[in-house]
Amino acid sequence: MHQASRIFYKEKRLEQKLQQIKRDTVLDNIMQNYQRFPIEIVKGKGSSVWDADGKKYLDYTSGIAVCNLGHVPDAVKEAVENQLESLWHCSNLYHIPAQKQLAEALTRHSFGDQVFFCNSGAEANEAAIKLARKYAADKGQKNTHDVVTFAQSFHGRTLATLTATGQSHVKAGFDPLPEGFQHLEFNDTAALDAIAAKRPCAVLLELVQGEGGIVPADTEWVRQLEGICKQNDILLILDEVQTGVGRTGKLFAYEHYGITPDVMTLAKGLGSGFPIGAVIAGKDAAASFTPGSHGTTFGGNPLASTAGLATLKEILDNNVIKNAEVQSDYLFSQLKRLESQFSLVQSVRGKGLLAGMEVSCPAKEIVIKALEKGVLILTAGANVVRLLPPLTTKKEEIDEVAGVLENILTAIEEKGGVKL
């Protein structure tokens, strides 16, 4: 049997196991579009969360790269509590002080000149796609509306962003999909030639593919891509929804590559759990969003902007990124140790505190066993274990996670017959 097929059937068996151990309470009133683990998380602080039964877990998912400062960080909590006393929401028909301050901070610490605020990563990517097409139209490029993305990418679940996503399983059942997207191979020289020849209106790129298996872009390939985009007036859009706000050991992942994008999208780690997304752009691209061209009711409202501003300030002012850099080195040293120790571990990759461990068994099996042992981790595809510690994590926590993984890998290998 082909390895991919074996992983698929093991995944199905694991899903059945999850169904068997679910709580008696059936979520009759919630649509069943999530496969939930059988715990209810009711409290969080720092790197830890607690379930409804009082059990404590070390959370190395960070709410899927959202809680970069850990759960309920004091500085953000204080700022939000103060804002709750004054104003929760007003529309973007009026000036919002916290939004203005957050935009100033984001542009001061990035390549960008202007910011559009929204509520999520998918909305940020959707807005960036609209901006690219409007930019092309404004430049008189009437026959250029395609957006190039890459195989195994993930950009969201709206119709446009799931079409942009380079994974077929997220598209099943949603035809007809929007036109104007082309998928090329990631880190592939031939893709560069195709972009230069086709001259799309934009290239949308993750510098570390998250849902696609924690695969970093090759530095020289990215630099060549940037050159092609600049030569042909193609907008280079970086999807930093998962990699931004310190996750990779830099404030933004593009800083690792020595490039300057035209547009960048953010969300996840920007608000410490409060829904906020952002599109940051240089002046030329940003000018295409004129009054009435795009909008959102909730985007950048006083509460979300206050959370974002407090989060960014805490990260910038308190050596949080430096801690992420130091702890990343230690985390990868521990994962590399496991790679050398266990034949199940095929490779270790990532940047900063976005780490992937490729294994030759279903990654979900390891995730379930870790949960049972009080550690929350994720998958990134069928056979990659994903670790997303808060940027504030400590050496002792990394040791705990490494120890749990070591015990799980030992038990799997000792069983025999589980390895694919």
Protein backbone atom coordinates (compact mmCIF):
# COMPACT_ATOMS: atom_id res chain seq x y z
CA MET A 1 0.00 0.00 0.00
CA HIS A 2 1.26 3.50 -0.87
CA GLN A 3 2.53 5.50 2.16
CA ALA A 4 -0.02 8.27 1.62
CA SER A 5 -2.83 5.69 1.61
CA ARG A 6 -1.54 4.12 4.82
CA ILE A 7 -1.49 7.53 6.49
CA PHE A 8 -5.03 8.17 5.26
CA TYR A 9 -6.43 4.95 6.71
CA LYS A 10 -4.61 5.45 10.01
CA GLU A 11 -6.03 8.99 10.13
CA LYS A 12 -9.55 7.56 9.68
CA ARG A 13 -9.02 5.09 12.53
CA LEU A 14 -7.76 7.89 14.76
CA GLU A 15 -10.82 9.99 13.93
CA GLN A 16 -13.02 7.06 14.92
CA LYS A 17 -11.11 6.79 18.20
CA LEU A 18 -11.72 10.49 18.89
CA GLN A 19 -15.44 9.97 18.30
CA GLN A 20 -15.45 7.11 20.82
CA ILE A 21 -13.86 9.16 23.61
CA LYS A 22 -15.91 12.33 23.15
CA ARG A 23 -17.94 13.68 26.05
CA ASP A 24 -21.56 12.57 26.40
CA THR A 25 -22.67 16.12 25.66
CA VAL A 26 -23.56 16.39 21.97
CA LEU A 27 -23.09 19.79 20.36
CA ASP A 28 -26.50 19.70 18.71
CA ASN A 29 -26.66 23.47 18.26
CA ILE A 30 -23.20 23.94 16.75
CA MET A 31 -22.42 23.08 13.14
CA GLN A 32 -20.14 20.07 12.93
CA ASN A 33 -17.39 21.64 10.81
CA TYR A 34 -14.70 21.14 13.48
CA GLN A 35 -13.24 17.87 14.72
CA ARG A 36 -12.88 18.82 18.36
CA PHE A 37 -10.67 17.14 20.92
CA PRO A 38 -12.60 15.81 23.92
CA ILE A 39 -11.76 18.56 26.42
CA GLU A 40 -13.35 21.89 27.30
CA ILE A 41 -10.81 24.64 27.96
CA VAL A 42 -12.14 27.14 30.47
CA LYS A 43 -9.10 29.03 31.77
CA GLY A 44 -5.66 30.11 30.60
CA LYS A 45 -2.63 31.95 31.96
CA GLY A 46 0.81 32.16 30.42
CA SER A 47 1.75 28.89 28.75
CA SER A 48 -0.94 26.90 30.56
CA VAL A 49 -4.65 26.19 30.15
CA TRP A 50 -7.11 24.28 32.32
CA ASP A 51 -10.09 22.18 31.26
CA ALA A 52 -13.53 21.98 32.83
CA ASP A 53 -12.38 19.10 35.04
CA GLY A 54 -9.50 21.16 36.44
CA LYS A 55 -6.75 19.37 34.53
CA LYS A 56 -3.80 21.57 33.56
CA TYR A 57 -2.20 21.45 30.12
CA LEU A 58 0.96 23.02 28.71
CA ASP A 59 -0.33 24.79 25.61
CA TYR A 60 2.14 24.55 22.74
CA THR A 61 -0.51 25.53 20.19
CA SER A 62 -0.91 29.13 21.45
CA GLY A 63 -4.45 29.05 20.04
CA ILE A 64 -2.89 28.28 16.62
CA ALA A 65 -0.21 31.01 16.83
CA VAL A 66 -2.62 33.57 18.32
CA CYS A 67 -1.53 33.88 21.97
CA ASN A 68 2.05 34.94 21.26
CA LEU A 69 2.33 36.47 24.75
CA GLY A 70 0.69 33.45 26.34
CA HIS A 71 -2.83 33.43 27.72
CA VAL A 72 -4.28 36.55 29.37
CA PRO A 73 -1.07 38.63 29.36
CA ASP A 74 -1.22 41.27 32.08
CA ALA A 75 -0.33 44.26 29.88
CA VAL A 76 -3.02 43.45 27.32
CA LYS A 77 -5.56 42.61 30.03
CA GLU A 78 -5.05 45.99 31.70
CA ALA A 79 -5.33 47.92 28.42
CA VAL A 80 -8.50 46.08 27.37
CA GLU A 81 -10.11 46.50 30.80
CA ASN A 82 -9.49 50.25 30.60
CA GLN A 83 -10.98 50.37 27.10
CA LEU A 84 -14.03 48.40 28.25
CA GLU A 85 -14.80 51.24 30.63
CA SER A 86 -14.94 53.84 27.85
CA LEU A 87 -15.93 52.55 24.39
CA TRP A 88 -16.30 49.13 22.82
CA HIS A 89 -17.20 49.92 19.25
CA CYS A 90 -17.74 52.66 16.74
CA SER A 91 -17.68 52.36 12.97
CA ASN A 92 -14.94 53.42 10.61
CA LEU A 93 -17.04 56.44 9.68
CA TYR A 94 -15.16 58.12 12.54
CA HIS A 95 -11.54 58.38 13.65
CA ILE A 96 -10.50 55.79 16.22
CA PRO A 97 -7.46 56.81 18.34
CA ALA A 98 -6.21 53.31 19.16
CA GLN A 99 -6.50 52.30 15.50
CA LYS A 100 -4.41 55.29 14.46
CA GLN A 101 -1.75 54.50 17.08
CA LEU A 102 -1.60 50.85 16.05
CA ALA A 103 -1.24 51.77 12.38
CA GLU A 104 1.57 54.16 13.25
CA ALA A 105 3.38 51.46 15.24
CA LEU A 106 3.00 48.83 12.50
CA THR A 107 4.27 51.10 9.75
CA ARG A 108 7.12 52.42 11.90
CA HIS A 109 8.38 48.88 12.44
CA SER A 110 7.80 47.53 8.93
CA PHE A 111 8.27 48.43 5.26
CA GLY A 112 4.72 49.78 4.99
CA ASP A 113 3.14 53.21 4.81
CA GLN A 114 -0.55 52.54 5.40
CA VAL A 115 -2.73 49.89 7.06
CA PHE A 116 -6.24 48.52 6.50
CA PHE A 117 -7.71 46.75 9.53
CA CYS A 118 -10.13 43.83 9.42
CA ASN A 119 -11.06 40.89 11.67
CA SER A 120 -9.13 37.79 10.57
CA GLY A 121 -6.39 36.36 8.40
CA ALA A 122 -8.76 35.23 5.69
CA GLU A 123 -10.27 38.71 5.52
CA ALA A 124 -6.80 40.26 5.36
CA ASN A 125 -5.83 37.99 2.46
CA GLU A 126 -9.14 38.64 0.74
CA ALA A 127 -8.53 42.38 1.03
CA ALA A 128 -4.99 41.99 -0.29
CA ILE A 129 -6.29 40.12 -3.35
CA LYS A 130 -8.83 42.87 -3.98
CA LEU A 131 -6.12 45.50 -3.55
CA ALA A 132 -3.88 43.74 -6.09
CA ARG A 133 -6.61 43.61 -8.72
CA LYS A 134 -7.59 47.23 -8.10
CA TYR A 135 -3.93 48.25 -8.36
CA ALA A 136 -3.61 46.48 -11.70
CA ALA A 137 -6.78 48.13 -12.98
CA ASP A 138 -5.61 51.55 -11.81
CA LYS A 139 -2.33 51.00 -13.68
CA GLY A 140 -4.20 50.17 -16.88
CA GLN A 141 -3.21 46.51 -16.79
CA LYS A 142 -6.66 45.42 -17.96
CA ASN A 143 -5.67 41.89 -18.96
CA THR A 144 -3.70 41.20 -15.81
CA HIS A 145 -5.87 40.00 -12.93
CA ASP A 146 -4.38 36.59 -12.04
CA VAL A 147 -2.85 35.97 -8.62
CA VAL A 148 -0.12 33.34 -8.35
CA THR A 149 0.08 31.21 -5.22
CA PHE A 150 1.92 27.98 -4.46
CA ALA A 151 1.26 24.29 -3.93
CA GLN A 152 0.54 23.35 -0.29
CA SER A 153 -0.08 26.97 0.68
CA PHE A 154 -2.95 27.98 2.95
CA HIS A 155 -4.55 31.43 2.77
CA GLY A 156 -8.01 31.09 4.33
CA ARG A 157 -11.51 29.72 3.86
CA THR A 158 -13.46 32.44 2.10
CA LEU A 159 -14.21 31.54 -1.52
CA ALA A 160 -11.33 33.63 -2.85
CA THR A 161 -8.79 32.59 -0.23
CA LEU A 162 -9.61 28.88 -0.38
CA THR A 163 -9.21 29.13 -4.16
CA ALA A 164 -5.85 30.80 -3.58
CA THR A 165 -4.90 27.97 -1.22
CA GLY A 166 -2.74 25.32 -2.85
CA GLN A 167 -4.44 22.35 -1.18
CA SER A 168 -7.29 20.59 -2.98
CA HIS A 169 -9.04 19.17 0.10
CA VAL A 170 -10.20 22.61 1.31
CA LYS A 171 -11.98 23.21 -2.02
CA ALA A 172 -14.05 20.06 -2.23
CA GLY A 173 -17.76 20.77 -2.65
CA PHE A 174 -17.45 24.52 -3.20
CA ASP A 175 -17.50 24.72 -7.00
CA PRO A 176 -17.70 26.89 -8.97
CA LEU A 177 -14.62 28.59 -7.57
CA PRO A 178 -13.56 32.12 -8.51
CA GLU A 179 -11.35 32.51 -11.55
CA GLY A 180 -7.97 34.18 -11.67
CA PHE A 181 -5.71 32.01 -9.50
CA GLN A 182 -2.72 29.98 -10.64
CA HIS A 183 -0.79 27.55 -8.43
CA LEU A 184 2.91 26.94 -8.99
CA GLU A 185 5.46 24.79 -7.16
CA PHE A 186 6.98 26.23 -4.00
CA ASN A 187 10.76 26.78 -3.95
CA ASP A 188 10.88 25.84 -7.64
CA THR A 189 13.00 27.65 -10.24
CA ALA A 190 10.54 26.83 -13.02
CA ALA A 191 7.87 28.74 -11.08
CA LEU A 192 10.00 31.87 -11.28
CA ASP A 193 10.25 31.54 -15.05
CA ALA A 194 6.47 31.10 -15.29
CA ILE A 195 5.84 34.22 -13.21
CA ALA A 196 8.20 36.29 -15.35
CA ALA A 197 6.50 35.04 -18.51
CA LYS A 198 2.88 35.34 -17.33
CA ARG A 199 3.22 38.64 -15.45
CA PRO A 200 0.25 38.20 -13.06
CA CYS A 201 -1.04 41.15 -11.03
CA ALA A 202 0.30 39.65 -7.78
CA VAL A 203 2.14 36.80 -6.12
CA LEU A 204 0.77 35.69 -2.74
CA LEU A 205 3.33 33.84 -0.64
CA GLU A 206 3.87 32.33 2.81
CA LEU A 207 7.54 32.54 3.77
CA VAL A 208 7.00 29.51 5.98
CA GLN A 209 4.14 27.33 4.83
CA GLY A 210 2.20 26.57 8.00
CA GLU A 211 -0.73 24.27 7.25
CA GLY A 212 1.33 22.92 4.36
CA GLY A 213 3.86 21.21 6.64
CA ILE A 214 6.08 23.94 8.17
CA VAL A 215 8.18 24.41 5.04
CA PRO A 216 10.38 27.54 4.88
CA ALA A 217 11.00 29.29 1.61
CA ASP A 218 14.53 29.12 0.21
CA THR A 219 16.26 32.49 0.66
CA GLU A 220 17.79 32.75 -2.80
CA TRP A 221 14.53 31.68 -4.43
CA VAL A 222 12.61 34.38 -2.54
CA ARG A 223 15.13 37.03 -3.52
CA GLN A 224 14.87 36.05 -7.17
CA LEU A 225 11.08 36.17 -6.88
CA GLU A 226 11.25 39.66 -5.40
CA GLY A 227 13.43 40.79 -8.31
CA ILE A 228 11.00 39.43 -10.89
CA CYS A 229 8.07 41.14 -9.17
CA LYS A 230 9.85 44.50 -9.04
CA GLN A 231 10.96 44.29 -12.68
CA ASN A 232 7.44 43.55 -13.89
CA ASP A 233 5.35 45.69 -11.51
CA ILE A 234 3.84 42.58 -9.93
CA LEU A 235 2.70 43.09 -6.34
CA LEU A 236 4.53 40.80 -3.93
CA ILE A 237 2.06 39.99 -1.14
CA LEU A 238 3.35 38.17 1.93
CA ASP A 239 0.86 36.18 3.97
CA GLU A 240 2.30 36.61 7.47
CA VAL A 241 -0.91 35.67 9.23
CA GLN A 242 0.89 32.86 11.09
CA THR A 243 4.52 34.01 10.83
CA GLY A 244 4.06 37.67 11.82
CA VAL A 245 4.34 39.49 15.15
CA GLY A 246 7.47 37.72 16.38
CA ARG A 247 6.57 34.11 15.65
CA THR A 248 9.73 33.37 13.61
CA GLY A 249 12.21 35.16 15.89
CA LYS A 250 11.87 38.43 13.96
CA LEU A 251 8.95 40.83 14.18
CA PHE A 252 8.08 39.79 10.62
CA ALA A 253 9.38 36.77 8.72
CA TYR A 254 10.44 38.81 5.67
CA GLU A 255 13.25 40.26 7.82
CA HIS A 256 15.00 36.87 7.61
CA TYR A 257 15.14 37.15 3.83
CA GLY A 258 16.39 40.67 3.21
CA ILE A 259 13.47 41.57 0.94
CA THR A 260 10.85 44.32 0.81
CA PRO A 261 7.31 43.22 -0.10
CA ASP A 262 4.62 45.49 -1.49
CA VAL A 263 1.85 44.18 0.77
CA MET A 264 1.76 42.08 3.93
CA THR A 265 -1.14 40.49 5.79
CA LEU A 266 -1.30 39.92 9.55
CA ALA A 267 -3.81 38.50 12.03
CA LYS A 268 -3.42 35.68 14.60
CA GLY A 269 -0.72 36.99 16.97
CA LEU A 270 -1.62 40.66 16.58
CA GLY A 271 -4.44 40.80 19.13
CA SER A 272 -3.61 38.21 21.82
CA GLY A 273 -6.93 36.50 21.06
CA PHE A 274 -9.05 39.52 20.17
CA PRO A 275 -10.13 39.24 16.51
CA ILE A 276 -8.03 41.59 14.38
CA GLY A 277 -6.39 41.40 10.98
CA ALA A 278 -4.34 43.91 9.03
CA VAL A 279 -3.14 44.62 5.52
CA ILE A 280 0.05 46.69 5.46
CA ALA A 281 1.10 48.22 2.15
CA GLY A 282 3.48 50.72 0.63
CA LYS A 283 2.04 54.01 -0.63
CA ASP A 284 1.80 52.98 -4.29
CA ALA A 285 -0.30 49.90 -3.59
CA ALA A 286 -2.28 51.45 -0.74
CA ALA A 287 -3.42 54.31 -2.98
CA SER A 288 -5.72 51.92 -4.85
CA PHE A 289 -8.00 51.59 -1.83
CA THR A 290 -10.02 54.76 -2.31
CA PRO A 291 -13.20 55.65 -0.35
CA GLY A 292 -15.88 53.03 -0.98
CA SER A 293 -13.54 50.47 -2.57
CA HIS A 294 -13.41 48.20 0.48
CA GLY A 295 -14.61 48.19 4.06
CA THR A 296 -15.65 46.30 7.17
CA THR A 297 -17.93 47.06 10.11
CA PHE A 298 -15.83 45.70 12.95
CA GLY A 299 -12.29 46.03 11.56
CA GLY A 300 -9.97 47.96 13.84
CA ASN A 301 -12.69 48.91 16.32
CA PRO A 302 -11.60 50.46 19.65
CA LEU A 303 -11.47 47.17 21.56
CA ALA A 304 -9.56 45.18 18.93
CA SER A 305 -7.15 48.03 18.20
CA THR A 306 -6.44 48.51 21.90
CA ALA A 307 -5.62 44.81 22.24
CA GLY A 308 -3.41 44.96 19.16
CA LEU A 309 -1.57 48.05 20.32
CA ALA A 310 -0.94 46.62 23.80
CA THR A 311 0.23 43.32 22.30
CA LEU A 312 2.66 44.97 19.90
CA LYS A 313 3.99 47.32 22.58
CA GLU A 314 4.64 44.44 24.98
CA ILE A 315 6.46 42.46 22.29
CA LEU A 316 8.61 45.42 21.24
CA ASP A 317 9.40 46.83 24.69
CA ASN A 318 10.16 43.71 26.73
CA ASN A 319 12.63 41.61 24.73
CA VAL A 320 9.92 39.11 23.81
CA ILE A 321 11.38 38.53 20.35
CA LYS A 322 14.84 38.02 21.84
CA ASN A 323 13.39 35.37 24.14
CA ALA A 324 11.73 33.72 21.14
CA GLU A 325 15.07 33.64 19.34
CA VAL A 326 16.89 32.11 22.32
CA GLN A 327 14.18 29.57 23.08
CA SER A 328 13.92 28.66 19.38
CA ASP A 329 17.56 27.57 19.37
CA TYR A 330 16.92 25.38 22.39
CA LEU A 331 13.66 23.96 21.05
CA PHE A 332 15.26 22.97 17.75
CA SER A 333 18.22 21.42 19.56
CA GLN A 334 15.79 19.19 21.47
CA LEU A 335 13.82 18.29 18.34
CA LYS A 336 17.05 17.50 16.49
CA ARG A 337 18.01 15.24 19.39
CA LEU A 338 14.76 13.34 18.92
CA GLU A 339 15.42 13.15 15.19
CA SER A 340 18.79 11.50 15.84
CA GLN A 341 17.29 9.19 18.47
CA PHE A 342 14.17 7.90 16.69
CA SER A 343 13.80 6.46 13.20
CA LEU A 344 10.16 7.63 13.27
CA VAL A 345 11.35 11.24 13.02
CA GLN A 346 12.12 12.02 9.39
CA SER A 347 13.06 15.70 9.64
CA VAL A 348 12.78 18.84 11.76
CA ARG A 349 12.16 22.25 10.18
CA GLY A 350 10.75 25.72 10.70
CA LYS A 351 11.79 29.17 11.94
CA GLY A 352 11.70 30.69 15.38
CA LEU A 353 8.91 29.22 17.47
CA LEU A 354 7.13 27.78 14.44
CA ALA A 355 8.47 24.24 14.42
CA GLY A 356 7.54 21.12 12.50
CA MET A 357 8.60 17.52 13.11
CA GLU A 358 7.92 15.20 10.19
CA VAL A 359 7.17 11.65 11.31
CA SER A 360 6.54 8.35 9.54
CA CYS A 361 3.30 7.72 11.41
CA PRO A 362 0.07 9.73 11.54
CA ALA A 363 0.91 12.99 13.32
CA LYS A 364 -2.55 13.00 14.91
CA GLU A 365 -1.61 9.87 16.86
CA ILE A 366 1.18 11.80 18.56
CA VAL A 367 -1.08 14.81 19.15
CA ILE A 368 -3.71 12.65 20.88
CA LYS A 369 -1.15 10.91 23.08
CA ALA A 370 0.41 14.27 24.02
CA LEU A 371 -3.01 15.62 25.01
CA GLU A 372 -3.52 12.61 27.27
CA LYS A 373 -0.18 13.48 28.92
CA GLY A 374 -1.13 17.14 29.43
CA VAL A 375 0.57 18.78 26.44
CA LEU A 376 -1.29 20.46 23.58
CA ILE A 377 0.35 20.36 20.15
CA LEU A 378 -0.96 20.37 16.56
CA THR A 379 -0.59 18.73 13.20
CA ALA A 380 0.42 20.43 9.95
CA GLY A 381 -0.78 17.89 7.42
CA ALA A 382 -1.03 14.16 7.88
CA ASN A 383 2.50 13.46 9.07
CA VAL A 384 3.93 16.69 10.55
CA VAL A 385 3.68 17.54 14.24
CA ARG A 386 3.50 21.32 14.71
CA LEU A 387 4.69 23.15 17.82
CA LEU A 388 3.71 26.79 18.41
CA PRO A 389 4.90 27.82 21.87
CA PRO A 390 4.12 31.29 23.18
CA LEU A 391 7.01 33.66 22.53
CA THR A 392 7.37 33.89 26.31
CA THR A 393 8.05 30.17 26.76
CA LYS A 394 10.86 28.95 29.03
CA LYS A 395 13.52 26.26 28.82
CA GLU A 396 11.75 24.15 31.46
CA GLU A 397 8.60 24.07 29.33
CA ILE A 398 10.55 22.98 26.27
CA ASP A 399 12.11 20.22 28.36
CA GLU A 400 8.64 19.08 29.42
CA VAL A 401 7.38 18.93 25.83
CA ALA A 402 10.53 17.19 24.61
CA GLY A 403 10.19 14.65 27.40
CA VAL A 404 6.57 13.91 26.50
CA LEU A 405 7.46 13.53 22.82
CA GLU A 406 10.34 11.23 23.71
CA ASN A 407 8.05 8.99 25.77
CA ILE A 408 5.45 8.87 23.00
CA LEU A 409 7.97 8.09 20.26
CA THR A 410 9.54 5.40 22.44
CA ALA A 411 6.15 3.75 23.02
CA ILE A 412 5.25 3.85 19.32
CA GLU A 413 8.55 2.34 18.22
CA GLU A 414 8.37 -0.34 20.90
CA LYS A 415 4.96 -1.43 19.62
CA GLY A 416 6.37 -2.23 16.23
CA GLY A 417 4.29 -2.30 13.09
CA VAL A 418 3.13 1.29 13.59
CA LYS A 419 5.89 2.84 11.54
CA LEU A 420 4.86 3.36 7.92
